[in-house]
C-alpha atoms as a PDB file:
ATOM      1  CA  MET A   1      29.625  -8.414  19.254  1.00  0.00           C
ATOM      2  CA  ILE A   2      27.262  -7.255  16.554  1.00  0.00           C
ATOM      3  CA  LEU A   3      23.683  -8.325  17.044  1.00  0.00           C
ATOM      4  CA  SER A   4      21.094  -6.997  14.671  1.00  0.00           C
ATOM      5  CA  ASN A   5      18.328  -8.037  12.341  1.00  0.00           C
ATOM      6  CA  ARG A   6      20.861  -7.834   9.511  1.00  0.00           C
ATOM      7  CA  LEU A   7      21.868 -11.344  10.519  1.00  0.00           C
ATOM      8  CA  PHE A   8      18.565 -12.578   9.148  1.00  0.00           C
ATOM      9  CA  GLU A   9      17.418 -13.012   5.581  1.00  0.00           C
ATOM     10  CA  ARG A  10      13.747 -12.350   5.048  1.00  0.00           C
ATOM     11  CA  GLN A  11      11.839 -15.113   3.330  1.00  0.00           C
ATOM     12  CA  ALA A  12       8.508 -15.232   1.550  1.00  0.00           C
ATOM     13  CA  PRO A  13       5.637 -16.709   3.553  1.00  0.00           C
ATOM     14  CA  SER A  14       5.025 -20.417   3.101  1.00  0.00           C
ATOM     15  CA  ARG A  15       1.584 -21.955   2.874  1.00  0.00           C
ATOM     16  CA  GLU A  16       2.293 -23.974   5.998  1.00  0.00           C
ATOM     17  CA  ALA A  17       3.326 -20.989   8.107  1.00  0.00           C
ATOM     18  CA  LYS A  18       1.046 -20.230  11.016  1.00  0.00           C
ATOM     19  CA  SER A  19       0.402 -16.791  12.404  1.00  0.00           C
ATOM     20  CA  VAL A  20       1.007 -15.971  16.045  1.00  0.00           C
ATOM     21  CA  TYR A  21      -1.017 -13.013  17.296  1.00  0.00           C
ATOM     22  CA  ILE A  22       0.213 -11.437  20.515  1.00  0.00           C
ATOM     23  CA  PHE A  23      -1.816  -9.016  22.601  1.00  0.00           C
ATOM     24  CA  CYS A  24       0.039  -7.480  25.539  1.00  0.00           C
ATOM     25  CA  GLU A  25      -0.433  -4.700  28.059  1.00  0.00           C
ATOM     26  CA  GLY A  26       2.958  -3.091  27.528  1.00  0.00           C
ATOM     27  CA  ALA A  27       3.202   0.147  25.617  1.00  0.00           C
ATOM     28  CA  ARG A  28       6.920   0.069  24.803  1.00  0.00           C
ATOM     29  CA  ARG A  29       9.194  -2.730  26.036  1.00  0.00           C
ATOM     30  CA  GLU A  30       6.845  -5.581  25.146  1.00  0.00           C
ATOM     31  CA  TYR A  31       6.066  -4.083  21.767  1.00  0.00           C
ATOM     32  CA  GLN A  32       9.745  -3.681  20.906  1.00  0.00           C
ATOM     33  CA  TYR A  33      10.569  -7.213  21.991  1.00  0.00           C
ATOM     34  CA  PHE A  34       7.902  -9.054  20.021  1.00  0.00           C
ATOM     35  CA  ASN A  35       8.230  -6.726  17.061  1.00  0.00           C
ATOM     36  CA  TYR A  36      11.822  -7.975  16.713  1.00  0.00           C
ATOM     37  CA  PHE A  37      10.543 -11.354  15.535  1.00  0.00           C
ATOM     38  CA  ARG A  38       7.915  -9.874  13.260  1.00  0.00           C
ATOM     39  CA  GLU A  39      10.528  -7.812  11.473  1.00  0.00           C
ATOM     40  CA  ILE A  40      13.002 -10.622  10.846  1.00  0.00           C
ATOM     41  CA  ASP A  41      10.688 -13.341   9.574  1.00  0.00           C
ATOM     42  CA  SER A  42       7.776 -12.838   7.222  1.00  0.00           C
ATOM     43  CA  ARG A  43       6.933 -16.567   7.372  1.00  0.00           C
ATOM     44  CA  ILE A  44       5.316 -15.953  10.735  1.00  0.00           C
ATOM     45  CA  LYS A  45       3.016 -13.059  11.491  1.00  0.00           C
ATOM     46  CA  VAL A  46       3.380 -11.779  15.008  1.00  0.00           C
ATOM     47  CA  GLU A  47       0.854  -9.106  15.831  1.00  0.00           C
ATOM     48  CA  VAL A  48       1.477  -7.048  18.942  1.00  0.00           C
ATOM     49  CA  ASN A  49      -1.217  -4.734  20.187  1.00  0.00           C
ATOM     50  CA  LYS A  50       0.312  -1.507  21.434  1.00  0.00           C
ATOM     51  CA  LEU A  51      -2.181  -0.231  23.968  1.00  0.00           C
ATOM     52  CA  LYS A  52      -2.925   3.460  24.077  1.00  0.00           C
ATOM     53  CA  SER A  53      -3.352   5.382  27.297  1.00  0.00           C
ATOM     54  CA  ASP A  54      -7.124   5.608  26.822  1.00  0.00           C
ATOM     55  CA  GLU A  55      -7.633   1.883  26.215  1.00  0.00           C
ATOM     56  CA  ASN A  56      -8.746  -0.602  28.853  1.00  0.00           C
ATOM     57  CA  ASN A  57      -5.558  -2.359  30.014  1.00  0.00           C
ATOM     58  CA  SER A  58      -7.282  -4.681  32.462  1.00  0.00           C
ATOM     59  CA  PRO A  59      -7.088  -8.434  31.735  1.00  0.00           C
ATOM     60  CA  LYS A  60     -10.739  -8.407  30.687  1.00  0.00           C
ATOM     61  CA  GLY A  61     -10.228  -5.333  28.535  1.00  0.00           C
ATOM     62  CA  LEU A  62      -7.227  -6.868  26.810  1.00  0.00           C
ATOM     63  CA  TYR A  63      -9.136 -10.083  26.103  1.00  0.00           C
ATOM     64  CA  GLU A  64     -12.076  -8.147  24.652  1.00  0.00           C
ATOM     65  CA  LEU A  65      -9.699  -6.122  22.511  1.00  0.00           C
ATOM     66  CA  ALA A  66      -8.195  -9.330  21.125  1.00  0.00           C
ATOM     67  CA  GLU A  67     -11.585 -10.923  20.569  1.00  0.00           C
ATOM     68  CA  ASN A  68     -12.903  -7.877  18.720  1.00  0.00           C
ATOM     69  CA  SER A  69      -9.954  -8.092  16.343  1.00  0.00           C
ATOM     70  CA  PHE A  70     -11.294 -11.356  14.913  1.00  0.00           C
ATOM     71  CA  ILE A  71     -15.066 -10.888  14.938  1.00  0.00           C
ATOM     72  CA  GLY A  72     -17.596  -8.456  13.541  1.00  0.00           C
ATOM     73  CA  GLU A  73     -18.405  -7.260  10.047  1.00  0.00           C
ATOM     74  CA  LYS A  74     -14.924  -5.916   9.415  1.00  0.00           C
ATOM     75  CA  PRO A  75     -12.458  -7.897  11.569  1.00  0.00           C
ATOM     76  CA  LYS A  76      -8.873  -6.700  11.630  1.00  0.00           C
ATOM     77  CA  PHE A  77      -7.526 -10.250  11.284  1.00  0.00           C
ATOM     78  CA  THR A  78      -8.722 -13.535   9.818  1.00  0.00           C
ATOM     79  CA  ILE A  79      -7.744 -16.675  11.712  1.00  0.00           C
ATOM     80  CA  GLN A  80      -6.511 -19.702   9.801  1.00  0.00           C
ATOM     81  CA  GLU A  81      -6.694 -23.267  11.108  1.00  0.00           C
ATOM     82  CA  ASN A  82      -3.217 -23.413  12.703  1.00  0.00           C
ATOM     83  CA  ASP A  83      -3.043 -19.828  13.958  1.00  0.00           C
ATOM     84  CA  GLU A  84      -2.553 -19.047  17.647  1.00  0.00           C
ATOM     85  CA  ILE A  85      -3.675 -16.085  19.743  1.00  0.00           C
ATOM     86  CA  TRP A  86      -1.667 -15.265  22.852  1.00  0.00           C
ATOM     87  CA  ILE A  87      -2.548 -12.777  25.604  1.00  0.00           C
ATOM     88  CA  VAL A  88       0.358 -11.602  27.772  1.00  0.00           C
ATOM     89  CA  LEU A  89      -0.649 -10.258  31.186  1.00  0.00           C
ATOM     90  CA  ASP A  90       1.321  -8.326  33.748  1.00  0.00           C
ATOM     91  CA  THR A  91       0.000  -9.454  37.107  1.00  0.00           C
ATOM     92  CA  ASP A  92       0.579  -6.566  39.451  1.00  0.00           C
ATOM     93  CA  PRO A  93      -2.306  -6.594  41.948  1.00  0.00           C
ATOM     94  CA  ASP A  94      -4.566  -3.562  41.937  1.00  0.00           C
ATOM     95  CA  LYS A  95      -6.012  -1.887  45.009  1.00  0.00           C
ATOM     96  CA  ALA A  96      -9.288  -3.788  44.758  1.00  0.00           C
ATOM     97  CA  ASN A  97      -7.536  -7.059  43.884  1.00  0.00           C
ATOM     98  CA  SER A  98      -9.895  -7.338  40.923  1.00  0.00           C
ATOM     99  CA  ARG A  99      -7.261  -8.545  38.486  1.00  0.00           C
ATOM    100  CA  ALA A 100      -7.015 -12.027  40.022  1.00  0.00           C
ATOM    101  CA  GLU A 101     -10.632 -12.865  39.242  1.00  0.00           C
ATOM    102  CA  GLN A 102     -10.351 -11.307  35.788  1.00  0.00           C
ATOM    103  CA  ILE A 103      -7.238 -13.351  34.991  1.00  0.00           C
ATOM    104  CA  LYS A 104      -9.043 -16.523  36.033  1.00  0.00           C
ATOM    105  CA  GLN A 105     -11.981 -15.676  33.775  1.00  0.00           C
ATOM    106  CA  VAL A 106      -9.771 -14.765  30.818  1.00  0.00           C
ATOM    107  CA  LYS A 107      -7.921 -18.074  31.150  1.00  0.00           C
ATOM    108  CA  GLU A 108     -11.212 -19.979  31.167  1.00  0.00           C
ATOM    109  CA  ASP A 109     -12.495 -18.080  28.132  1.00  0.00           C
ATOM    110  CA  CYS A 110      -9.295 -18.705  26.194  1.00  0.00           C
ATOM    111  CA  GLN A 111      -9.239 -22.386  27.105  1.00  0.00           C
ATOM    112  CA  SER A 112     -12.729 -22.791  25.680  1.00  0.00           C
ATOM    113  CA  LYS A 113     -11.550 -21.435  22.319  1.00  0.00           C
ATOM    114  CA  GLY A 114      -8.848 -24.043  21.787  1.00  0.00           C
ATOM    115  CA  ASN A 115      -6.192 -21.993  20.017  1.00  0.00           C
ATOM    116  CA  TRP A 116      -6.166 -19.091  22.482  1.00  0.00           C
ATOM    117  CA  PHE A 117      -3.580 -18.947  25.271  1.00  0.00           C
ATOM    118  CA  VAL A 118      -2.745 -16.769  28.281  1.00  0.00           C
ATOM    119  CA  VAL A 119       0.675 -16.271  29.860  1.00  0.00           C
ATOM    120  CA  GLU A 120       1.472 -14.263  32.957  1.00  0.00           C
ATOM    121  CA  SER A 121       4.499 -12.028  32.895  1.00  0.00           C
ATOM    122  CA  ASN A 122       4.727 -11.888  36.630  1.00  0.00           C
ATOM    123  CA  PRO A 123       4.854  -9.250  37.863  1.00  0.00           C
ATOM    124  CA  CYS A 124       6.542  -7.389  35.007  1.00  0.00           C
ATOM    125  CA  PHE A 125       8.021  -8.119  31.580  1.00  0.00           C
ATOM    126  CA  GLU A 126      11.592  -7.472  32.726  1.00  0.00           C
ATOM    127  CA  VAL A 127      11.554 -10.784  34.612  1.00  0.00           C
ATOM    128  CA  TRP A 128      11.317 -12.556  31.249  1.00  0.00           C
ATOM    129  CA  LEU A 129      14.044 -10.368  29.725  1.00  0.00           C
ATOM    130  CA  PHE A 130      16.327 -11.187  32.672  1.00  0.00           C
ATOM    131  CA  PHE A 131      16.491 -14.851  31.664  1.00  0.00           C
ATOM    132  CA  HIS A 132      17.918 -14.078  28.224  1.00  0.00           C
ATOM    133  CA  GLN A 133      21.252 -13.375  29.901  1.00  0.00           C
ATOM    134  CA  ASN A 134      20.999 -15.196  33.226  1.00  0.00           C
ATOM    135  CA  GLU A 135      20.794 -18.929  33.913  1.00  0.00           C
ATOM    136  CA  LYS A 136      19.671 -18.766  37.526  1.00  0.00           C
ATOM    137  CA  PHE A 137      17.072 -16.753  39.316  1.00  0.00           C
ATOM    138  CA  GLU A 138      18.436 -14.363  41.912  1.00  0.00           C
ATOM    139  CA  ALA A 139      16.339 -13.687  44.988  1.00  0.00           C
ATOM    140  CA  PHE A 140      15.235 -10.102  44.770  1.00  0.00           C
ATOM    141  CA  ASP A 141      12.932  -8.164  47.053  1.00  0.00           C
ATOM    142  CA  ALA A 142      11.972  -4.535  46.864  1.00  0.00           C
ATOM    143  CA  ASP A 143       9.061  -2.357  47.890  1.00  0.00           C
ATOM    144  CA  ASP A 144       8.495  -1.517  44.226  1.00  0.00           C
ATOM    145  CA  PHE A 145       9.197  -4.895  42.661  1.00  0.00           C
ATOM    146  CA  CYS A 146       8.721  -3.873  39.041  1.00  0.00           C
ATOM    147  CA  LYS A 147      10.840  -0.758  39.365  1.00  0.00           C
ATOM    148  CA  GLY A 148      13.539  -2.837  40.992  1.00  0.00           C
ATOM    149  CA  TRP A 149      13.493  -5.395  38.193  1.00  0.00           C
ATOM    150  CA  LYS A 150      13.776  -2.673  35.561  1.00  0.00           C
ATOM    151  CA  GLN A 151      16.896  -1.439  37.355  1.00  0.00           C
ATOM    152  CA  LYS A 152      18.265  -4.975  37.674  1.00  0.00           C
ATOM    153  CA  VAL A 153      17.960  -5.613  33.937  1.00  0.00           C
ATOM    154  CA  GLY A 154      19.589  -2.264  33.250  1.00  0.00           C
ATOM    155  CA  GLU A 155      22.466  -2.827  35.649  1.00  0.00           C
ATOM    156  CA  GLN A 156      23.394  -6.154  34.082  1.00  0.00           C
ATOM    157  CA  GLY A 157      24.448  -4.750  30.738  1.00  0.00           C
ATOM    158  CA  GLY A 158      20.961  -3.623  29.838  1.00  0.00           C
ATOM    159  CA  PHE A 159      18.509  -5.433  27.612  1.00  0.00           C
ATOM    160  CA  ASP A 160      18.347  -4.100  24.079  1.00  0.00           C
ATOM    161  CA  SER A 161      15.175  -5.200  22.305  1.00  0.00           C
ATOM    162  CA  ARG A 162      16.876  -4.524  18.969  1.00  0.00           C
ATOM    163  CA  LYS A 163      19.398  -7.352  19.444  1.00  0.00           C
ATOM    164  CA  HIS A 164      19.064  -9.478  22.582  1.00  0.00           C
ATOM    165  CA  PRO A 165      15.858 -11.331  21.553  1.00  0.00           C
ATOM    166  CA  ILE A 166      18.155 -13.509  19.444  1.00  0.00           C
ATOM    167  CA  PHE A 167      18.851 -15.340  22.725  1.00  0.00           C
ATOM    168  CA  ILE A 168      15.231 -16.486  22.976  1.00  0.00           C
ATOM    169  CA  GLU A 169      16.282 -20.146  23.053  1.00  0.00           C
ATOM    170  CA  GLU A 170      18.444 -19.544  26.135  1.00  0.00           C
ATOM    171  CA  ALA A 171      15.651 -17.537  27.753  1.00  0.00           C
ATOM    172  CA  ILE A 172      13.184 -20.385  27.262  1.00  0.00           C
ATOM    173  CA  ARG A 173      15.538 -22.848  28.939  1.00  0.00           C
ATOM    174  CA  ASN A 174      16.454 -20.531  31.822  1.00  0.00           C
ATOM    175  CA  ALA A 175      12.913 -19.343  32.541  1.00  0.00           C
ATOM    176  CA  GLU A 176      11.485 -22.859  32.491  1.00  0.00           C
ATOM    177  CA  ARG A 177      14.180 -24.202  34.835  1.00  0.00           C
ATOM    178  CA  ASN A 178      13.492 -21.404  37.313  1.00  0.00           C
ATOM    179  CA  TYR A 179       9.715 -21.436  37.051  1.00  0.00           C
ATOM    180  CA  ARG A 180       7.860 -21.643  40.370  1.00  0.00           C
ATOM    181  CA  THR A 181       4.164 -21.353  41.233  1.00  0.00           C
ATOM    182  CA  ASN A 182       2.062 -20.774  44.335  1.00  0.00           C
ATOM    183  CA  GLU A 183      -0.724 -22.992  45.664  1.00  0.00           C
ATOM    184  CA  ASN A 184      -3.102 -21.571  43.033  1.00  0.00           C
ATOM    185  CA  ASN A 185      -0.736 -22.472  40.205  1.00  0.00           C
ATOM    186  CA  ARG A 186       0.058 -18.808  39.608  1.00  0.00           C
ATOM    187  CA  PRO A 187       3.693 -17.820  38.899  1.00  0.00           C
ATOM    188  CA  LEU A 188       5.638 -16.542  41.871  1.00  0.00           C
ATOM    189  CA  LYS A 189       7.497 -13.247  41.724  1.00  0.00           C
ATOM    190  CA  GLY A 190      10.637 -13.789  39.711  1.00  0.00           C
ATOM    191  CA  SER A 191       8.944 -16.401  37.520  1.00  0.00           C
ATOM    192  CA  SER A 192       7.393 -15.821  34.110  1.00  0.00           C
ATOM    193  CA  GLU A 193       5.126 -17.886  31.882  1.00  0.00           C
ATOM    194  CA  VAL A 194       6.266 -16.040  28.757  1.00  0.00           C
ATOM    195  CA  TYR A 195       8.568 -18.957  27.953  1.00  0.00           C
ATOM    196  CA  LEU A 196       5.443 -20.853  26.829  1.00  0.00           C
ATOM    197  CA  LEU A 197       4.718 -18.238  24.177  1.00  0.00           C
ATOM    198  CA  ALA A 198       8.414 -18.087  23.308  1.00  0.00           C
ATOM    199  CA  LYS A 199       8.366 -21.832  22.600  1.00  0.00           C
ATOM    200  CA  SER A 200       5.632 -21.290  20.046  1.00  0.00           C
ATOM    201  CA  ILE A 201       7.543 -18.491  18.337  1.00  0.00           C
ATOM    202  CA  PHE A 202      10.819 -20.374  18.425  1.00  0.00           C
ATOM    203  CA  ALA A 203       9.300 -23.533  16.945  1.00  0.00           C
ATOM    204  CA  VAL A 204       8.610 -21.592  13.758  1.00  0.00           C
ATOM    205  CA  ILE A 205      11.847 -19.613  13.455  1.00  0.00           C
ATOM    206  CA  LYS A 206      14.413 -21.761  15.270  1.00  0.00           C
ATOM    207  CA  ASN A 207      16.436 -22.592  12.155  1.00  0.00           C
ATOM    208  CA  LYS A 208      16.724 -18.926  11.329  1.00  0.00           C
ATOM    209  CA  ILE A 209      17.681 -17.965  14.878  1.00  0.00           C
ATOM    210  CA  ARG A 210      20.337 -20.657  15.146  1.00  0.00           C
ATOM    211  CA  ALA A 211      21.795 -19.838  11.715  1.00  0.00           C
ATOM    212  CA  ALA A 212      22.014 -16.172  12.655  1.00  0.00           C
ATOM    213  CA  LYS A 213      23.774 -16.938  15.960  1.00  0.00           C
ATOM    214  CA  ASN A 214      26.349 -18.996  14.062  1.00  0.00           C
ATOM    215  CA  LYS A 215      27.315 -15.809  12.252  1.00  0.00           C
ATOM    216  CA  LEU A 216      28.213 -14.025  15.491  1.00  0.00           C
END
């Protein structure tokens, strides 16, 4: 089965097209995944911030990095009325458990802005990738949960960010069906909120995605 961006025909931006700006903590996997959609469709602008090793990758630091991209004398981006800004957080606890309070504050700050959103990729991005090829969550426990999930995704045919994002519609359905939260409304291990962001992306490019899959 050939899956590549060659299945898509690039189109000129329309006046109605909104931009979706994505800021994430991942340095490689997340960047490759979201960049897939940016490359295939110029009608939607998906901006992924690829954090460097010397940048603050805490929830608060990521939020401030996003905020600084739209304010100041020389902002990197200019927001239009329908644009959306999404912050994708890995939620591994740190030794001081300081991330939980930061995540709460970032969510409150984004909610006050109206068109800003936060999703938790809990506890690692591979959980979201898993649902592109799997309908049901499989109970999985390991001392190093993230490392174990990376191996799980690799063992099951591997996830290739150059082709498998075309199954974003299936991932949305599978992740939402298997979504579970704790008493604080935070996603449990094995659940991911990234499907909420994926819905926003898919709403703009769904016709293109479905047409491309028909070519397979």
